[in-house]
Amino acid sequence: MNCVIPLDCLAPGESAQIVDVEGDTTFLTRLQEIGLNIGAQIRMVKAGSPCIVATGGHQVSLRTNELATVLVELKHG
């Protein structure tokens, strides 16, 4: 069963796929530039604010208020 949740709800070590990103154009462009696009696979490294997520061999730090606009699909089994 798959579950869609806000990115900031991922626990450290959990992996997911980005399914939706909402925000102003500047914010969306910034996320795209660092590899946080719809379809990207990510892993939560450190939860909190700021959190650290890994994607495409890179680690990115984000503040919680930014995370509220990123939804991910957590895959179970």
PDB file of N, CA and C in Angstrom:
ATOM      1  N   MET A   1       0.839  -1.187   0.000  1.00  0.00           N
ATOM      2  CA  MET A   1       0.000   0.000   0.000  1.00  0.00           C
ATOM      3  C   MET A   1       0.879   1.242   0.000  1.00  0.00           C
ATOM      4  N   ASN A   2       0.562   2.214  -0.860  1.00  0.00           N
ATOM      5  CA  ASN A   2       1.329   3.441  -0.947  1.00  0.00           C
ATOM      6  C   ASN A   2       0.609   4.549  -0.195  1.00  0.00           C
ATOM      7  N   CYS A   3       1.388   5.454   0.396  1.00  0.00           N
ATOM      8  CA  CYS A   3       0.841   6.513   1.226  1.00  0.00           C
ATOM      9  C   CYS A   3       1.474   7.839   0.814  1.00  0.00           C
ATOM     10  N   VAL A   4       0.654   8.875   0.528  1.00  0.00           N
ATOM     11  CA  VAL A   4       1.157  10.198   0.173  1.00  0.00           C
ATOM     12  C   VAL A   4       1.125  11.077   1.417  1.00  0.00           C
ATOM     13  N   ILE A   5       2.296  11.652   1.741  1.00  0.00           N
ATOM     14  CA  ILE A   5       2.455  12.462   2.942  1.00  0.00           C
ATOM     15  C   ILE A   5       3.315  13.686   2.633  1.00  0.00           C
ATOM     16  N   PRO A   6       3.269  14.720   3.477  1.00  0.00           N
ATOM     17  CA  PRO A   6       4.208  15.842   3.328  1.00  0.00           C
ATOM     18  C   PRO A   6       5.636  15.356   3.589  1.00  0.00           C
ATOM     19  N   LEU A   7       6.584  15.928   2.893  1.00  0.00           N
ATOM     20  CA  LEU A   7       7.985  15.527   3.018  1.00  0.00           C
ATOM     21  C   LEU A   7       8.467  15.581   4.456  1.00  0.00           C
ATOM     22  N   ASP A   8       8.011  16.556   5.233  1.00  0.00           N
ATOM     23  CA  ASP A   8       8.506  16.689   6.607  1.00  0.00           C
ATOM     24  C   ASP A   8       7.989  15.601   7.541  1.00  0.00           C
ATOM     25  N   CYS A   9       7.105  14.731   7.049  1.00  0.00           N
ATOM     26  CA  CYS A   9       6.628  13.607   7.862  1.00  0.00           C
ATOM     27  C   CYS A   9       7.487  12.358   7.695  1.00  0.00           C
ATOM     28  N   LEU A  10       8.445  12.382   6.770  1.00  0.00           N
ATOM     29  CA  LEU A  10       9.342  11.237   6.608  1.00  0.00           C
ATOM     30  C   LEU A  10      10.256  11.125   7.821  1.00  0.00           C
ATOM     31  N   ALA A  11      10.481   9.910   8.264  1.00  0.00           N
ATOM     32  CA  ALA A  11      11.413   9.664   9.362  1.00  0.00           C
ATOM     33  C   ALA A  11      12.816   9.479   8.784  1.00  0.00           C
ATOM     34  N   PRO A  12      13.845   9.750   9.579  1.00  0.00           N
ATOM     35  CA  PRO A  12      15.207   9.524   9.101  1.00  0.00           C
ATOM     36  C   PRO A  12      15.375   8.090   8.589  1.00  0.00           C
ATOM     37  N   GLY A  13      15.971   7.974   7.403  1.00  0.00           N
ATOM     38  CA  GLY A  13      16.195   6.668   6.791  1.00  0.00           C
ATOM     39  C   GLY A  13      15.098   6.240   5.838  1.00  0.00           C
ATOM     40  N   GLU A  14      13.904   6.855   5.916  1.00  0.00           N
ATOM     41  CA  GLU A  14      12.823   6.492   5.011  1.00  0.00           C
ATOM     42  C   GLU A  14      13.055   7.097   3.627  1.00  0.00           C
ATOM     43  N   SER A  15      12.640   6.341   2.613  1.00  0.00           N
ATOM     44  CA  SER A  15      12.751   6.799   1.232  1.00  0.00           C
ATOM     45  C   SER A  15      11.371   6.953   0.630  1.00  0.00           C
ATOM     46  N   ALA A  16      11.261   7.840  -0.349  1.00  0.00           N
ATOM     47  CA  ALA A  16       9.980   8.102  -0.989  1.00  0.00           C
ATOM     48  C   ALA A  16      10.228   8.718  -2.357  1.00  0.00           C
ATOM     49  N   GLN A  17       9.138   8.887  -3.109  1.00  0.00           N
ATOM     50  CA  GLN A  17       9.188   9.533  -4.413  1.00  0.00           C
ATOM     51  C   GLN A  17       8.344  10.799  -4.347  1.00  0.00           C
ATOM     52  N   ILE A  18       8.861  11.898  -4.885  1.00  0.00           N
ATOM     53  CA  ILE A  18       8.116  13.155  -4.916  1.00  0.00           C
ATOM     54  C   ILE A  18       6.970  13.018  -5.917  1.00  0.00           C
ATOM     55  N   VAL A  19       5.735  13.322  -5.463  1.00  0.00           N
ATOM     56  CA  VAL A  19       4.564  13.211  -6.337  1.00  0.00           C
ATOM     57  C   VAL A  19       3.901  14.555  -6.623  1.00  0.00           C
ATOM     58  N   ASP A  20       4.186  15.580  -5.821  1.00  0.00           N
ATOM     59  CA  ASP A  20       3.600  16.893  -6.060  1.00  0.00           C
ATOM     60  C   ASP A  20       4.439  17.955  -5.373  1.00  0.00           C
ATOM     61  N   VAL A  21       4.573  19.097  -6.035  1.00  0.00           N
ATOM     62  CA  VAL A  21       5.302  20.236  -5.468  1.00  0.00           C
ATOM     63  C   VAL A  21       4.471  21.481  -5.757  1.00  0.00           C
ATOM     64  N   GLU A  22       4.160  22.237  -4.699  1.00  0.00           N
ATOM     65  CA  GLU A  22       3.379  23.458  -4.864  1.00  0.00           C
ATOM     66  C   GLU A  22       4.114  24.622  -4.226  1.00  0.00           C
ATOM     67  N   GLY A  23       4.000  25.785  -4.845  1.00  0.00           N
ATOM     68  CA  GLY A  23       4.638  26.974  -4.310  1.00  0.00           C
ATOM     69  C   GLY A  23       4.787  28.027  -5.389  1.00  0.00           C
ATOM     70  N   ASP A  24       5.416  29.130  -5.029  1.00  0.00           N
ATOM     71  CA  ASP A  24       5.596  30.176  -6.028  1.00  0.00           C
ATOM     72  C   ASP A  24       6.676  29.759  -7.031  1.00  0.00           C
ATOM     73  N   THR A  25       6.704  30.438  -8.156  1.00  0.00           N
ATOM     74  CA  THR A  25       7.592  30.077  -9.255  1.00  0.00           C
ATOM     75  C   THR A  25       9.056  30.065  -8.839  1.00  0.00           C
ATOM     76  N   THR A  26       9.484  31.022  -8.041  1.00  0.00           N
ATOM     77  CA  THR A  26      10.874  31.083  -7.593  1.00  0.00           C
ATOM     78  C   THR A  26      11.228  29.856  -6.778  1.00  0.00           C
ATOM     79  N   PHE A  27      10.339  29.465  -5.874  1.00  0.00           N
ATOM     80  CA  PHE A  27      10.565  28.291  -5.039  1.00  0.00           C
ATOM     81  C   PHE A  27      10.619  27.026  -5.881  1.00  0.00           C
ATOM     82  N   LEU A  28       9.692  26.871  -6.825  1.00  0.00           N
ATOM     83  CA  LEU A  28       9.666  25.683  -7.672  1.00  0.00           C
ATOM     84  C   LEU A  28      10.929  25.587  -8.525  1.00  0.00           C
ATOM     85  N   THR A  29      11.385  26.715  -9.043  1.00  0.00           N
ATOM     86  CA  THR A  29      12.607  26.731  -9.837  1.00  0.00           C
ATOM     87  C   THR A  29      13.804  26.314  -8.989  1.00  0.00           C
ATOM     88  N   ARG A  30      13.875  26.811  -7.766  1.00  0.00           N
ATOM     89  CA  ARG A  30      14.973  26.449  -6.866  1.00  0.00           C
ATOM     90  C   ARG A  30      14.977  24.944  -6.590  1.00  0.00           C
ATOM     91  N   LEU A  31      13.805  24.380  -6.321  1.00  0.00           N
ATOM     92  CA  LEU A  31      13.719  22.941  -6.072  1.00  0.00           C
ATOM     93  C   LEU A  31      14.159  22.140  -7.298  1.00  0.00           C
ATOM     94  N   GLN A  32      13.735  22.562  -8.480  1.00  0.00           N
ATOM     95  CA  GLN A  32      14.140  21.873  -9.708  1.00  0.00           C
ATOM     96  C   GLN A  32      15.645  21.924  -9.895  1.00  0.00           C
ATOM     97  N   GLU A  33      16.256  23.062  -9.609  1.00  0.00           N
ATOM     98  CA  GLU A  33      17.693  23.222  -9.778  1.00  0.00           C
ATOM     99  C   GLU A  33      18.493  22.304  -8.867  1.00  0.00           C
ATOM    100  N   ILE A  34      17.936  21.962  -7.694  1.00  0.00           N
ATOM    101  CA  ILE A  34      18.659  21.083  -6.769  1.00  0.00           C
ATOM    102  C   ILE A  34      18.208  19.628  -6.879  1.00  0.00           C
ATOM    103  N   GLY A  35      17.354  19.334  -7.890  1.00  0.00           N
ATOM    104  CA  GLY A  35      16.978  17.954  -8.155  1.00  0.00           C
ATOM    105  C   GLY A  35      15.733  17.451  -7.460  1.00  0.00           C
ATOM    106  N   LEU A  36      14.974  18.342  -6.817  1.00  0.00           N
ATOM    107  CA  LEU A  36      13.742  17.927  -6.139  1.00  0.00           C
ATOM    108  C   LEU A  36      12.545  18.157  -7.061  1.00  0.00           C
ATOM    109  N   ASN A  37      12.432  17.289  -8.061  1.00  0.00           N
ATOM    110  CA  ASN A  37      11.374  17.358  -9.054  1.00  0.00           C
ATOM    111  C   ASN A  37      10.369  16.239  -8.820  1.00  0.00           C
ATOM    112  N   ILE A  38       9.190  16.370  -9.405  1.00  0.00           N
ATOM    113  CA  ILE A  38       8.222  15.275  -9.367  1.00  0.00           C
ATOM    114  C   ILE A  38       8.871  14.048  -9.991  1.00  0.00           C
ATOM    115  N   GLY A  39       8.764  12.937  -9.307  1.00  0.00           N
ATOM    116  CA  GLY A  39       9.364  11.682  -9.761  1.00  0.00           C
ATOM    117  C   GLY A  39      10.710  11.382  -9.132  1.00  0.00           C
ATOM    118  N   ALA A  40      11.341  12.385  -8.503  1.00  0.00           N
ATOM    119  CA  ALA A  40      12.657  12.165  -7.882  1.00  0.00           C
ATOM    120  C   ALA A  40      12.531  11.258  -6.658  1.00  0.00           C
ATOM    121  N   GLN A  41      13.492  10.355  -6.513  1.00  0.00           N
ATOM    122  CA  GLN A  41      13.582   9.493  -5.339  1.00  0.00           C
ATOM    123  C   GLN A  41      14.394  10.236  -4.282  1.00  0.00           C
ATOM    124  N   ILE A  42      13.889  10.281  -3.054  1.00  0.00           N
ATOM    125  CA  ILE A  42      14.599  10.967  -1.985  1.00  0.00           C
ATOM    126  C   ILE A  42      14.660  10.083  -0.742  1.00  0.00           C
ATOM    127  N   ARG A  43      15.581  10.433   0.143  1.00  0.00           N
ATOM    128  CA  ARG A  43      15.712   9.741   1.431  1.00  0.00           C
ATOM    129  C   ARG A  43      15.930  10.789   2.506  1.00  0.00           C
ATOM    130  N   MET A  44      15.185  10.679   3.610  1.00  0.00           N
ATOM    131  CA  MET A  44      15.350  11.620   4.720  1.00  0.00           C
ATOM    132  C   MET A  44      16.612  11.236   5.484  1.00  0.00           C
ATOM    133  N   VAL A  45      17.539  12.171   5.577  1.00  0.00           N
ATOM    134  CA  VAL A  45      18.786  11.947   6.310  1.00  0.00           C
ATOM    135  C   VAL A  45      18.625  12.419   7.749  1.00  0.00           C
ATOM    136  N   LYS A  46      18.116  13.660   7.909  1.00  0.00           N
ATOM    137  CA  LYS A  46      17.914  14.241   9.241  1.00  0.00           C
ATOM    138  C   LYS A  46      16.594  14.991   9.232  1.00  0.00           C
ATOM    139  N   ALA A  47      15.699  14.585  10.108  1.00  0.00           N
ATOM    140  CA  ALA A  47      14.404  15.259  10.205  1.00  0.00           C
ATOM    141  C   ALA A  47      14.541  16.524  11.043  1.00  0.00           C
ATOM    142  N   GLY A  48      13.536  17.370  11.001  1.00  0.00           N
ATOM    143  CA  GLY A  48      13.549  18.597  11.797  1.00  0.00           C
ATOM    144  C   GLY A  48      13.565  19.815  10.904  1.00  0.00           C
ATOM    145  N   SER A  49      13.908  20.941  11.495  1.00  0.00           N
ATOM    146  CA  SER A  49      13.970  22.184  10.735  1.00  0.00           C
ATOM    147  C   SER A  49      15.263  22.929  11.066  1.00  0.00           C
ATOM    148  N   PRO A  50      16.207  22.951  10.139  1.00  0.00           N
ATOM    149  CA  PRO A  50      16.077  22.397   8.799  1.00  0.00           C
ATOM    150  C   PRO A  50      16.283  20.879   8.797  1.00  0.00           C
ATOM    151  N   CYS A  51      15.730  20.254   7.756  1.00  0.00           N
ATOM    152  CA  CYS A  51      15.963  18.817   7.577  1.00  0.00           C
ATOM    153  C   CYS A  51      17.015  18.654   6.482  1.00  0.00           C
ATOM    154  N   ILE A  52      17.519  17.445   6.359  1.00  0.00           N
ATOM    155  CA  ILE A  52      18.459  17.126   5.282  1.00  0.00           C
ATOM    156  C   ILE A  52      17.898  15.927   4.534  1.00  0.00           C
ATOM    157  N   VAL A  53      17.754  16.067   3.201  1.00  0.00           N
ATOM    158  CA  VAL A  53      17.310  14.966   2.363  1.00  0.00           C
ATOM    159  C   VAL A  53      18.391  14.662   1.338  1.00  0.00           C
ATOM    160  N   ALA A  54      18.452  13.406   0.922  1.00  0.00           N
ATOM    161  CA  ALA A  54      19.411  12.986  -0.094  1.00  0.00           C
ATOM    162  C   ALA A  54      18.658  12.651  -1.369  1.00  0.00           C
ATOM    163  N   THR A  55      19.194  13.093  -2.495  1.00  0.00           N
ATOM    164  CA  THR A  55      18.636  12.768  -3.804  1.00  0.00           C
ATOM    165  C   THR A  55      19.737  12.858  -4.847  1.00  0.00           C
ATOM    166  N   GLY A  56      19.781  11.905  -5.730  1.00  0.00           N
ATOM    167  CA  GLY A  56      20.750  11.942  -6.829  1.00  0.00           C
ATOM    168  C   GLY A  56      22.188  12.080  -6.381  1.00  0.00           C
ATOM    169  N   GLY A  57      22.558  11.479  -5.274  1.00  0.00           N
ATOM    170  CA  GLY A  57      23.934  11.551  -4.803  1.00  0.00           C
ATOM    171  C   GLY A  57      24.282  12.825  -4.062  1.00  0.00           C
ATOM    172  N   HIS A  58      23.306  13.689  -3.834  1.00  0.00           N
ATOM    173  CA  HIS A  58      23.539  14.948  -3.133  1.00  0.00           C
ATOM    174  C   HIS A  58      22.670  15.017  -1.885  1.00  0.00           C
ATOM    175  N   GLN A  59      23.102  15.816  -0.916  1.00  0.00           N
ATOM    176  CA  GLN A  59      22.293  16.086   0.264  1.00  0.00           C
ATOM    177  C   GLN A  59      21.895  17.554   0.244  1.00  0.00           C
ATOM    178  N   VAL A  60      20.623  17.803   0.569  1.00  0.00           N
ATOM    179  CA  VAL A  60      20.064  19.147   0.507  1.00  0.00           C
ATOM    180  C   VAL A  60      19.412  19.474   1.841  1.00  0.00           C
ATOM    181  N   SER A  61      19.620  20.682   2.335  1.00  0.00           N
ATOM    182  CA  SER A  61      19.006  21.135   3.575  1.00  0.00           C
ATOM    183  C   SER A  61      17.825  22.041   3.236  1.00  0.00           C
ATOM    184  N   LEU A  62      16.670  21.768   3.891  1.00  0.00           N
ATOM    185  CA  LEU A  62      15.462  22.565   3.667  1.00  0.00           C
ATOM    186  C   LEU A  62      14.828  22.943   4.988  1.00  0.00           C
ATOM    187  N   ARG A  63      14.217  24.133   5.035  1.00  0.00           N
ATOM    188  CA  ARG A  63      13.470  24.557   6.220  1.00  0.00           C
ATOM    189  C   ARG A  63      12.068  23.943   6.178  1.00  0.00           C
ATOM    190  N   THR A  64      11.477  23.723   7.343  1.00  0.00           N
ATOM    191  CA  THR A  64      10.168  23.081   7.438  1.00  0.00           C
ATOM    192  C   THR A  64       9.100  23.835   6.669  1.00  0.00           C
ATOM    193  N   ASN A  65       9.087  25.151   6.694  1.00  0.00           N
ATOM    194  CA  ASN A  65       8.040  25.893   5.990  1.00  0.00           C
ATOM    195  C   ASN A  65       8.084  25.616   4.493  1.00  0.00           C
ATOM    196  N   GLU A  66       9.249  25.290   3.942  1.00  0.00           N
ATOM    197  CA  GLU A  66       9.350  24.925   2.541  1.00  0.00           C
ATOM    198  C   GLU A  66       8.817  23.510   2.318  1.00  0.00           C
ATOM    199  N   LEU A  67       8.995  22.644   3.281  1.00  0.00           N
ATOM    200  CA  LEU A  67       8.613  21.251   3.119  1.00  0.00           C
ATOM    201  C   LEU A  67       7.112  21.061   3.009  1.00  0.00           C
ATOM    202  N   ALA A  68       6.341  21.946   3.542  1.00  0.00           N
ATOM    203  CA  ALA A  68       4.886  21.794   3.532  1.00  0.00           C
ATOM    204  C   ALA A  68       4.336  21.758   2.109  1.00  0.00           C
ATOM    205  N   THR A  69       5.098  22.192   1.129  1.00  0.00           N
ATOM    206  CA  THR A  69       4.623  22.244  -0.240  1.00  0.00           C
ATOM    207  C   THR A  69       5.107  21.054  -1.076  1.00  0.00           C
ATOM    208  N   VAL A  70       5.816  20.120  -0.469  1.00  0.00           N
ATOM    209  CA  VAL A  70       6.335  18.952  -1.182  1.00  0.00           C
ATOM    210  C   VAL A  70       5.647  17.706  -0.639  1.00  0.00           C
ATOM    211  N   LEU A  71       4.944  16.985  -1.526  1.00  0.00           N
ATOM    212  CA  LEU A  71       4.295  15.737  -1.130  1.00  0.00           C
ATOM    213  C   LEU A  71       5.059  14.558  -1.715  1.00  0.00           C
ATOM    214  N   VAL A  72       5.194  13.517  -0.919  1.00  0.00           N
ATOM    215  CA  VAL A  72       5.939  12.334  -1.342  1.00  0.00           C
ATOM    216  C   VAL A  72       5.094  11.085  -1.164  1.00  0.00           C
ATOM    217  N   GLU A  73       5.407  10.072  -1.941  1.00  0.00           N
ATOM    218  CA  GLU A  73       4.728   8.785  -1.838  1.00  0.00           C
ATOM    219  C   GLU A  73       5.676   7.799  -1.157  1.00  0.00           C
ATOM    220  N   LEU A  74       5.287   7.416   0.018  1.00  0.00           N
ATOM    221  CA  LEU A  74       6.046   6.456   0.806  1.00  0.00           C
ATOM    222  C   LEU A  74       5.606   5.072   0.391  1.00  0.00           C
ATOM    223  N   LYS A  75       6.557   4.247  -0.047  1.00  0.00           N
ATOM    224  CA  LYS A  75       6.195   2.919  -0.538  1.00  0.00           C
ATOM    225  C   LYS A  75       6.446   1.882   0.530  1.00  0.00           C
ATOM    226  N   HIS A  76       5.447   1.091   0.791  1.00  0.00           N
ATOM    227  CA  HIS A  76       5.549  -0.003   1.758  1.00  0.00           C
ATOM    228  C   HIS A  76       5.498  -1.308   1.005  1.00  0.00           C
ATOM    229  N   GLY A  77       6.440  -2.198   1.365  1.00  0.00           N
ATOM    230  CA  GLY A  77       6.426  -3.528   0.775  1.00  0.00           C
ATOM    231  C   GLY A  77       6.680  -3.450  -0.651  1.00  0.00           C
TER     232      GLY A  77
END
